[in-house]
Amino acid sequence: MEAIRQIVQVEDSKVTVVLPTTFPSRRVEVIVLPVEANMNLSANSPAHAALRRPSPAIAGKGRILGDILGPAVPAEDWESTHETTR
């Protein structure tokens, strides 16, 4: 099965989906979802890139403080490393 996902503009309450000439099927199922309600967009989609743009008011003002790769608590505090006794 081949699936195509597109983010398209609604014009006069109509949506046009152009399929590639190599598309194998003559009948398709179309599901329409508003983009605002569908926030789980693919990381590669153009709409996702637009949603991930920071506000110009805060862009470039962040700072990294401390070690961002190390654990937040010592390993001794991790419950998963303690042996359980029965």
PDB file of N, CA and C in Angstrom:
ATOM      1  N   MET A   1       0.848  -1.178   0.000  1.00  0.00           N
ATOM      2  CA  MET A   1       0.000   0.000   0.000  1.00  0.00           C
ATOM      3  C   MET A   1       0.887   1.232   0.000  1.00  0.00           C
ATOM      4  N   GLU A   2       0.559   2.168  -0.834  1.00  0.00           N
ATOM      5  CA  GLU A   2       1.281   3.436  -0.903  1.00  0.00           C
ATOM      6  C   GLU A   2       0.417   4.510  -0.260  1.00  0.00           C
ATOM      7  N   ALA A   3       1.022   5.295   0.620  1.00  0.00           N
ATOM      8  CA  ALA A   3       0.288   6.374   1.284  1.00  0.00           C
ATOM      9  C   ALA A   3       0.945   7.702   0.944  1.00  0.00           C
ATOM     10  N   ILE A   4       0.127   8.714   0.767  1.00  0.00           N
ATOM     11  CA  ILE A   4       0.619  10.063   0.481  1.00  0.00           C
ATOM     12  C   ILE A   4       0.016  10.995   1.515  1.00  0.00           C
ATOM     13  N   ARG A   5       0.860  11.784   2.142  1.00  0.00           N
ATOM     14  CA  ARG A   5       0.372  12.770   3.117  1.00  0.00           C
ATOM     15  C   ARG A   5       0.743  14.157   2.612  1.00  0.00           C
ATOM     16  N   GLN A   6      -0.246  15.028   2.540  1.00  0.00           N
ATOM     17  CA  GLN A   6      -0.021  16.384   2.065  1.00  0.00           C
ATOM     18  C   GLN A   6      -0.740  17.357   2.986  1.00  0.00           C
ATOM     19  N   ILE A   7      -0.138  18.515   3.202  1.00  0.00           N
ATOM     20  CA  ILE A   7      -0.806  19.621   3.872  1.00  0.00           C
ATOM     21  C   ILE A   7      -1.180  20.589   2.752  1.00  0.00           C
ATOM     22  N   VAL A   8      -2.487  20.800   2.544  1.00  0.00           N
ATOM     23  CA  VAL A   8      -2.939  21.643   1.433  1.00  0.00           C
ATOM     24  C   VAL A   8      -3.866  22.737   1.952  1.00  0.00           C
ATOM     25  N   GLN A   9      -3.995  23.788   1.164  1.00  0.00           N
ATOM     26  CA  GLN A   9      -4.863  24.909   1.500  1.00  0.00           C
ATOM     27  C   GLN A   9      -6.296  24.615   1.057  1.00  0.00           C
ATOM     28  N   VAL A  10      -7.250  25.025   1.867  1.00  0.00           N
ATOM     29  CA  VAL A  10      -8.659  24.929   1.496  1.00  0.00           C
ATOM     30  C   VAL A  10      -9.016  26.218   0.770  1.00  0.00           C
ATOM     31  N   GLU A  11      -9.566  26.093  -0.433  1.00  0.00           N
ATOM     32  CA  GLU A  11      -9.952  27.259  -1.226  1.00  0.00           C
ATOM     33  C   GLU A  11     -11.411  27.100  -1.630  1.00  0.00           C
ATOM     34  N   ASP A  12     -12.251  28.031  -1.188  1.00  0.00           N
ATOM     35  CA  ASP A  12     -13.691  27.984  -1.477  1.00  0.00           C
ATOM     36  C   ASP A  12     -14.300  26.652  -1.029  1.00  0.00           C
ATOM     37  N   SER A  13     -13.921  26.206   0.147  1.00  0.00           N
ATOM     38  CA  SER A  13     -14.411  24.942   0.725  1.00  0.00           C
ATOM     39  C   SER A  13     -14.052  23.725  -0.115  1.00  0.00           C
ATOM     40  N   LYS A  14     -12.971  23.817  -0.898  1.00  0.00           N
ATOM     41  CA  LYS A  14     -12.543  22.696  -1.738  1.00  0.00           C
ATOM     42  C   LYS A  14     -11.059  22.415  -1.509  1.00  0.00           C
ATOM     43  N   VAL A  15     -10.719  21.145  -1.629  1.00  0.00           N
ATOM     44  CA  VAL A  15      -9.333  20.700  -1.506  1.00  0.00           C
ATOM     45  C   VAL A  15      -8.997  19.884  -2.744  1.00  0.00           C
ATOM     46  N   THR A  16      -7.850  20.161  -3.350  1.00  0.00           N
ATOM     47  CA  THR A  16      -7.400  19.410  -4.519  1.00  0.00           C
ATOM     48  C   THR A  16      -6.146  18.634  -4.148  1.00  0.00           C
ATOM     49  N   VAL A  17      -6.166  17.340  -4.393  1.00  0.00           N
ATOM     50  CA  VAL A  17      -5.005  16.488  -4.146  1.00  0.00           C
ATOM     51  C   VAL A  17      -4.539  15.956  -5.494  1.00  0.00           C
ATOM     52  N   VAL A  18      -3.303  16.281  -5.854  1.00  0.00           N
ATOM     53  CA  VAL A  18      -2.738  15.823  -7.116  1.00  0.00           C
ATOM     54  C   VAL A  18      -1.891  14.590  -6.826  1.00  0.00           C
ATOM     55  N   LEU A  19      -2.243  13.481  -7.467  1.00  0.00           N
ATOM     56  CA  LEU A  19      -1.520  12.229  -7.270  1.00  0.00           C
ATOM     57  C   LEU A  19      -0.462  12.057  -8.352  1.00  0.00           C
ATOM     58  N   PRO A  20       0.647  11.397  -8.008  1.00  0.00           N
ATOM     59  CA  PRO A  20       1.661  11.147  -9.038  1.00  0.00           C
ATOM     60  C   PRO A  20       1.115  10.207 -10.115  1.00  0.00           C
ATOM     61  N   THR A  21       1.638  10.321 -11.312  1.00  0.00           N
ATOM     62  CA  THR A  21       1.154   9.483 -12.417  1.00  0.00           C
ATOM     63  C   THR A  21       1.424   8.002 -12.152  1.00  0.00           C
ATOM     64  N   THR A  22       2.367   7.705 -11.280  1.00  0.00           N
ATOM     65  CA  THR A  22       2.699   6.313 -10.968  1.00  0.00           C
ATOM     66  C   THR A  22       1.856   5.744  -9.832  1.00  0.00           C
ATOM     67  N   PHE A  23       0.894   6.517  -9.325  1.00  0.00           N
ATOM     68  CA  PHE A  23       0.063   6.028  -8.217  1.00  0.00           C
ATOM     69  C   PHE A  23      -0.712   4.805  -8.687  1.00  0.00           C
ATOM     70  N   PRO A  24      -0.650   3.691  -7.940  1.00  0.00           N
ATOM     71  CA  PRO A  24      -1.168   2.414  -8.452  1.00  0.00           C
ATOM     72  C   PRO A  24      -2.685   2.227  -8.401  1.00  0.00           C
ATOM     73  N   SER A  25      -3.413   2.995  -7.640  1.00  0.00           N
ATOM     74  CA  SER A  25      -4.842   2.722  -7.442  1.00  0.00           C
ATOM     75  C   SER A  25      -5.733   3.656  -8.236  1.00  0.00           C
ATOM     76  N   ARG A  26      -6.929   3.160  -8.555  1.00  0.00           N
ATOM     77  CA  ARG A  26      -7.931   3.980  -9.232  1.00  0.00           C
ATOM     78  C   ARG A  26      -8.925   4.555  -8.239  1.00  0.00           C
ATOM     79  N   ARG A  27      -9.043   3.955  -7.041  1.00  0.00           N
ATOM     80  CA  ARG A  27      -9.926   4.442  -5.977  1.00  0.00           C
ATOM     81  C   ARG A  27      -9.078   4.664  -4.737  1.00  0.00           C
ATOM     82  N   VAL A  28      -9.401   5.726  -3.986  1.00  0.00           N
ATOM     83  CA  VAL A  28      -8.646   6.046  -2.777  1.00  0.00           C
ATOM     84  C   VAL A  28      -9.601   6.434  -1.653  1.00  0.00           C
ATOM     85  N   GLU A  29      -9.120   6.327  -0.434  1.00  0.00           N
ATOM     86  CA  GLU A  29      -9.849   6.815   0.730  1.00  0.00           C
ATOM     87  C   GLU A  29      -9.220   8.144   1.129  1.00  0.00           C
ATOM     88  N   VAL A  30     -10.040   9.148   1.334  1.00  0.00           N
ATOM     89  CA  VAL A  30      -9.556  10.472   1.698  1.00  0.00           C
ATOM     90  C   VAL A  30     -10.060  10.806   3.101  1.00  0.00           C
ATOM     91  N   ILE A  31      -9.148  11.163   3.983  1.00  0.00           N
ATOM     92  CA  ILE A  31      -9.499  11.582   5.341  1.00  0.00           C
ATOM     93  C   ILE A  31      -9.000  13.011   5.499  1.00  0.00           C
ATOM     94  N   VAL A  32      -9.876  13.919   5.901  1.00  0.00           N
ATOM     95  CA  VAL A  32      -9.518  15.332   6.028  1.00  0.00           C
ATOM     96  C   VAL A  32      -9.472  15.692   7.514  1.00  0.00           C
ATOM     97  N   LEU A  33      -8.335  16.193   7.961  1.00  0.00           N
ATOM     98  CA  LEU A  33      -8.158  16.622   9.347  1.00  0.00           C
ATOM     99  C   LEU A  33      -7.651  18.056   9.354  1.00  0.00           C
ATOM    100  N   PRO A  34      -8.198  18.925  10.202  1.00  0.00           N
ATOM    101  CA  PRO A  34      -7.656  20.274  10.295  1.00  0.00           C
ATOM    102  C   PRO A  34      -6.237  20.210  10.865  1.00  0.00           C
ATOM    103  N   VAL A  35      -5.335  20.968  10.315  1.00  0.00           N
ATOM    104  CA  VAL A  35      -3.948  20.938  10.765  1.00  0.00           C
ATOM    105  C   VAL A  35      -3.840  21.384  12.220  1.00  0.00           C
ATOM    106  N   GLU A  36      -4.630  22.358  12.639  1.00  0.00           N
ATOM    107  CA  GLU A  36      -4.561  22.844  14.016  1.00  0.00           C
ATOM    108  C   GLU A  36      -4.900  21.735  15.013  1.00  0.00           C
ATOM    109  N   ALA A  37      -5.824  20.850  14.649  1.00  0.00           N
ATOM    110  CA  ALA A  37      -6.230  19.769  15.543  1.00  0.00           C
ATOM    111  C   ALA A  37      -5.283  18.583  15.464  1.00  0.00           C
ATOM    112  N   ASN A  38      -4.445  18.525  14.445  1.00  0.00           N
ATOM    113  CA  ASN A  38      -3.540  17.394  14.253  1.00  0.00           C
ATOM    114  C   ASN A  38      -2.116  17.848  14.533  1.00  0.00           C
ATOM    115  N   MET A  39      -1.741  17.941  15.799  1.00  0.00           N
ATOM    116  CA  MET A  39      -0.423  18.453  16.162  1.00  0.00           C
ATOM    117  C   MET A  39       0.681  17.417  16.036  1.00  0.00           C
ATOM    118  N   ASN A  40       0.351  16.150  15.749  1.00  0.00           N
ATOM    119  CA  ASN A  40       1.360  15.119  15.582  1.00  0.00           C
ATOM    120  C   ASN A  40       1.832  15.076  14.135  1.00  0.00           C
ATOM    121  N   LEU A  41       2.448  16.137  13.693  1.00  0.00           N
ATOM    122  CA  LEU A  41       2.905  16.213  12.312  1.00  0.00           C
ATOM    123  C   LEU A  41       4.259  15.538  12.174  1.00  0.00           C
ATOM    124  N   SER A  42       4.518  15.020  11.014  1.00  0.00           N
ATOM    125  CA  SER A  42       5.810  14.415  10.740  1.00  0.00           C
ATOM    126  C   SER A  42       6.907  15.457  10.887  1.00  0.00           C
ATOM    127  N   ALA A  43       8.055  15.053  11.414  1.00  0.00           N
ATOM    128  CA  ALA A  43       9.163  15.977  11.610  1.00  0.00           C
ATOM    129  C   ALA A  43       9.681  16.520  10.280  1.00  0.00           C
ATOM    130  N   ASN A  44       9.368  15.859   9.172  1.00  0.00           N
ATOM    131  CA  ASN A  44       9.843  16.306   7.863  1.00  0.00           C
ATOM    132  C   ASN A  44       8.832  17.154   7.112  1.00  0.00           C
ATOM    133  N   SER A  45       7.637  17.331   7.651  1.00  0.00           N
ATOM    134  CA  SER A  45       6.617  18.065   6.913  1.00  0.00           C
ATOM    135  C   SER A  45       6.838  19.569   7.007  1.00  0.00           C
ATOM    136  N   PRO A  46       6.490  20.321   5.963  1.00  0.00           N
ATOM    137  CA  PRO A  46       6.639  21.776   5.995  1.00  0.00           C
ATOM    138  C   PRO A  46       5.820  22.418   7.106  1.00  0.00           C
ATOM    139  N   ALA A  47       4.663  21.861   7.404  1.00  0.00           N
ATOM    140  CA  ALA A  47       3.830  22.429   8.461  1.00  0.00           C
ATOM    141  C   ALA A  47       4.499  22.271   9.821  1.00  0.00           C
ATOM    142  N   HIS A  48       5.206  21.161  10.018  1.00  0.00           N
ATOM    143  CA  HIS A  48       5.923  20.944  11.282  1.00  0.00           C
ATOM    144  C   HIS A  48       7.009  21.996  11.444  1.00  0.00           C
ATOM    145  N   ALA A  49       7.726  22.317  10.389  1.00  0.00           N
ATOM    146  CA  ALA A  49       8.786  23.322  10.460  1.00  0.00           C
ATOM    147  C   ALA A  49       8.209  24.681  10.852  1.00  0.00           C
ATOM    148  N   ALA A  50       7.038  25.015  10.346  1.00  0.00           N
ATOM    149  CA  ALA A  50       6.416  26.288  10.690  1.00  0.00           C
ATOM    150  C   ALA A  50       6.001  26.322  12.152  1.00  0.00           C
ATOM    151  N   LEU A  51       5.554  25.197  12.690  1.00  0.00           N
ATOM    152  CA  LEU A  51       5.147  25.145  14.084  1.00  0.00           C
ATOM    153  C   LEU A  51       6.344  25.216  15.035  1.00  0.00           C
ATOM    154  N   ARG A  52       7.505  24.798  14.601  1.00  0.00           N
ATOM    155  CA  ARG A  52       8.672  24.719  15.458  1.00  0.00           C
ATOM    156  C   ARG A  52       9.543  25.982  15.435  1.00  0.00           C
ATOM    157  N   ARG A  53       9.098  27.048  14.806  1.00  0.00           N
ATOM    158  CA  ARG A  53       9.867  28.279  14.726  1.00  0.00           C
ATOM    159  C   ARG A  53       9.659  29.077  16.013  1.00  0.00           C
ATOM    160  N   PRO A  54      10.754  29.428  16.735  1.00  0.00           N
ATOM    161  CA  PRO A  54      10.568  30.179  17.988  1.00  0.00           C
ATOM    162  C   PRO A  54      10.121  31.608  17.723  1.00  0.00           C
ATOM    163  N   SER A  55       9.491  32.177  18.706  1.00  0.00           N
ATOM    164  CA  SER A  55       9.075  33.570  18.617  1.00  0.00           C
ATOM    165  C   SER A  55      10.312  34.451  18.480  1.00  0.00           C
ATOM    166  N   PRO A  56      10.281  35.477  17.633  1.00  0.00           N
ATOM    167  CA  PRO A  56      11.424  36.387  17.527  1.00  0.00           C
ATOM    168  C   PRO A  56      11.757  37.060  18.854  1.00  0.00           C
ATOM    169  N   ALA A  57      10.777  37.176  19.749  1.00  0.00           N
ATOM    170  CA  ALA A  57      11.022  37.816  21.044  1.00  0.00           C
ATOM    171  C   ALA A  57      11.960  36.997  21.923  1.00  0.00           C
ATOM    172  N   ILE A  58      12.019  35.663  21.707  1.00  0.00           N
ATOM    173  CA  ILE A  58      12.888  34.838  22.552  1.00  0.00           C
ATOM    174  C   ILE A  58      14.020  34.166  21.774  1.00  0.00           C
ATOM    175  N   ALA A  59      13.995  34.235  20.462  1.00  0.00           N
ATOM    176  CA  ALA A  59      14.993  33.553  19.645  1.00  0.00           C
ATOM    177  C   ALA A  59      16.399  34.030  19.985  1.00  0.00           C
ATOM    178  N   GLY A  60      17.291  33.079  20.237  1.00  0.00           N
ATOM    179  CA  GLY A  60      18.693  33.376  20.501  1.00  0.00           C
ATOM    180  C   GLY A  60      18.994  33.852  21.907  1.00  0.00           C
ATOM    181  N   LYS A  61      18.026  33.849  22.783  1.00  0.00           N
ATOM    182  CA  LYS A  61      18.243  34.362  24.129  1.00  0.00           C
ATOM    183  C   LYS A  61      18.450  33.256  25.170  1.00  0.00           C
ATOM    184  N   GLY A  62      18.353  31.994  24.761  1.00  0.00           N
ATOM    185  CA  GLY A  62      18.514  30.890  25.706  1.00  0.00           C
ATOM    186  C   GLY A  62      19.974  30.651  26.036  1.00  0.00           C
ATOM    187  N   ARG A  63      20.224  30.159  27.248  1.00  0.00           N
ATOM    188  CA  ARG A  63      21.577  29.793  27.660  1.00  0.00           C
ATOM    189  C   ARG A  63      21.544  28.411  28.289  1.00  0.00           C
ATOM    190  N   ILE A  64      22.619  27.655  28.107  1.00  0.00           N
ATOM    191  CA  ILE A  64      22.748  26.351  28.732  1.00  0.00           C
ATOM    192  C   ILE A  64      23.538  26.539  30.013  1.00  0.00           C
ATOM    193  N   LEU A  65      22.954  26.102  31.112  1.00  0.00           N
ATOM    194  CA  LEU A  65      23.611  26.203  32.408  1.00  0.00           C
ATOM    195  C   LEU A  65      23.881  24.802  32.940  1.00  0.00           C
ATOM    196  N   GLY A  66      25.124  24.502  33.229  1.00  0.00           N
ATOM    197  CA  GLY A  66      25.460  23.205  33.817  1.00  0.00           C
ATOM    198  C   GLY A  66      25.634  22.113  32.785  1.00  0.00           C
ATOM    199  N   ASP A  67      25.735  20.893  33.291  1.00  0.00           N
ATOM    200  CA  ASP A  67      25.962  19.710  32.462  1.00  0.00           C
ATOM    201  C   ASP A  67      24.631  19.194  31.937  1.00  0.00           C
ATOM    202  N   ILE A  68      24.434  19.259  30.615  1.00  0.00           N
ATOM    203  CA  ILE A  68      23.162  18.803  30.055  1.00  0.00           C
ATOM    204  C   ILE A  68      23.207  17.329  29.671  1.00  0.00           C
ATOM    205  N   LEU A  69      24.352  16.694  29.727  1.00  0.00           N
ATOM    206  CA  LEU A  69      24.458  15.291  29.363  1.00  0.00           C
ATOM    207  C   LEU A  69      24.469  14.367  30.571  1.00  0.00           C
ATOM    208  N   GLY A  70      24.922  14.849  31.708  1.00  0.00           N
ATOM    209  CA  GLY A  70      25.002  14.019  32.903  1.00  0.00           C
ATOM    210  C   GLY A  70      23.651  13.848  33.565  1.00  0.00           C
ATOM    211  N   PRO A  71      23.546  12.861  34.461  1.00  0.00           N
ATOM    212  CA  PRO A  71      22.277  12.646  35.166  1.00  0.00           C
ATOM    213  C   PRO A  71      21.966  13.788  36.124  1.00  0.00           C
ATOM    214  N   ALA A  72      20.702  13.996  36.396  1.00  0.00           N
ATOM    215  CA  ALA A  72      20.279  15.069  37.301  1.00  0.00           C
ATOM    216  C   ALA A  72      20.503  14.698  38.756  1.00  0.00           C
ATOM    217  N   VAL A  73      20.526  13.395  39.052  1.00  0.00           N
ATOM    218  CA  VAL A  73      20.743  12.929  40.425  1.00  0.00           C
ATOM    219  C   VAL A  73      21.846  11.881  40.412  1.00  0.00           C
ATOM    220  N   PRO A  74      22.518  11.670  41.540  1.00  0.00           N
ATOM    221  CA  PRO A  74      23.573  10.649  41.582  1.00  0.00           C
ATOM    222  C   PRO A  74      23.003   9.252  41.319  1.00  0.00           C
ATOM    223  N   ALA A  75      23.822   8.356  40.794  1.00  0.00           N
ATOM    224  CA  ALA A  75      23.384   6.992  40.483  1.00  0.00           C
ATOM    225  C   ALA A  75      22.892   6.257  41.725  1.00  0.00           C
ATOM    226  N   GLU A  76      23.400   6.602  42.896  1.00  0.00           N
ATOM    227  CA  GLU A  76      22.970   5.945  44.142  1.00  0.00           C
ATOM    228  C   GLU A  76      21.477   6.204  44.413  1.00  0.00           C
ATOM    229  N   ASP A  77      20.939   7.286  43.894  1.00  0.00           N
ATOM    230  CA  ASP A  77      19.542   7.628  44.134  1.00  0.00           C
ATOM    231  C   ASP A  77      18.577   6.923  43.175  1.00  0.00           C
ATOM    232  N   TRP A  78      19.094   6.231  42.192  1.00  0.00           N
ATOM    233  CA  TRP A  78      18.240   5.551  41.227  1.00  0.00           C
ATOM    234  C   TRP A  78      17.721   4.268  41.845  1.00  0.00           C
ATOM    235  N   GLU A  79      16.418   4.136  41.937  1.00  0.00           N
ATOM    236  CA  GLU A  79      15.818   2.944  42.526  1.00  0.00           C
ATOM    237  C   GLU A  79      16.088   1.697  41.691  1.00  0.00           C
ATOM    238  N   SER A  80      16.241   1.848  40.406  1.00  0.00           N
ATOM    239  CA  SER A  80      16.442   0.694  39.541  1.00  0.00           C
ATOM    240  C   SER A  80      17.797   0.037  39.761  1.00  0.00           C
ATOM    241  N   THR A  81      18.741   0.724  40.384  1.00  0.00           N
ATOM    242  CA  THR A  81      20.063   0.132  40.615  1.00  0.00           C
ATOM    243  C   THR A  81      20.164  -0.559  41.958  1.00  0.00           C
ATOM    244  N   HIS A  82      19.150  -0.415  42.804  1.00  0.00           N
ATOM    245  CA  HIS A  82      19.173  -1.057  44.114  1.00  0.00           C
ATOM    246  C   HIS A  82      18.723  -2.510  44.005  1.00  0.00           C
ATOM    247  N   GLU A  83      19.385  -3.368  44.746  1.00  0.00           N
ATOM    248  CA  GLU A  83      18.954  -4.759  44.788  1.00  0.00           C
ATOM    249  C   GLU A  83      17.775  -4.880  45.738  1.00  0.00           C
ATOM    250  N   THR A  84      16.818  -5.656  45.317  1.00  0.00           N
ATOM    251  CA  THR A  84      15.662  -5.855  46.184  1.00  0.00           C
ATOM    252  C   THR A  84      15.847  -7.139  46.990  1.00  0.00           C
ATOM    253  N   THR A  85      15.434  -7.116  48.236  1.00  0.00           N
ATOM    254  CA  THR A  85      15.525  -8.308  49.076  1.00  0.00           C
ATOM    255  C   THR A  85      14.103  -8.764  49.382  1.00  0.00           C
ATOM    256  N   ARG A  86      13.896 -10.064  49.366  1.00  0.00           N
ATOM    257  CA  ARG A  86      12.571 -10.619  49.628  1.00  0.00           C
ATOM    258  C   ARG A  86      12.577 -11.396  50.889  1.00  0.00           C
TER     259      ARG A  86
END
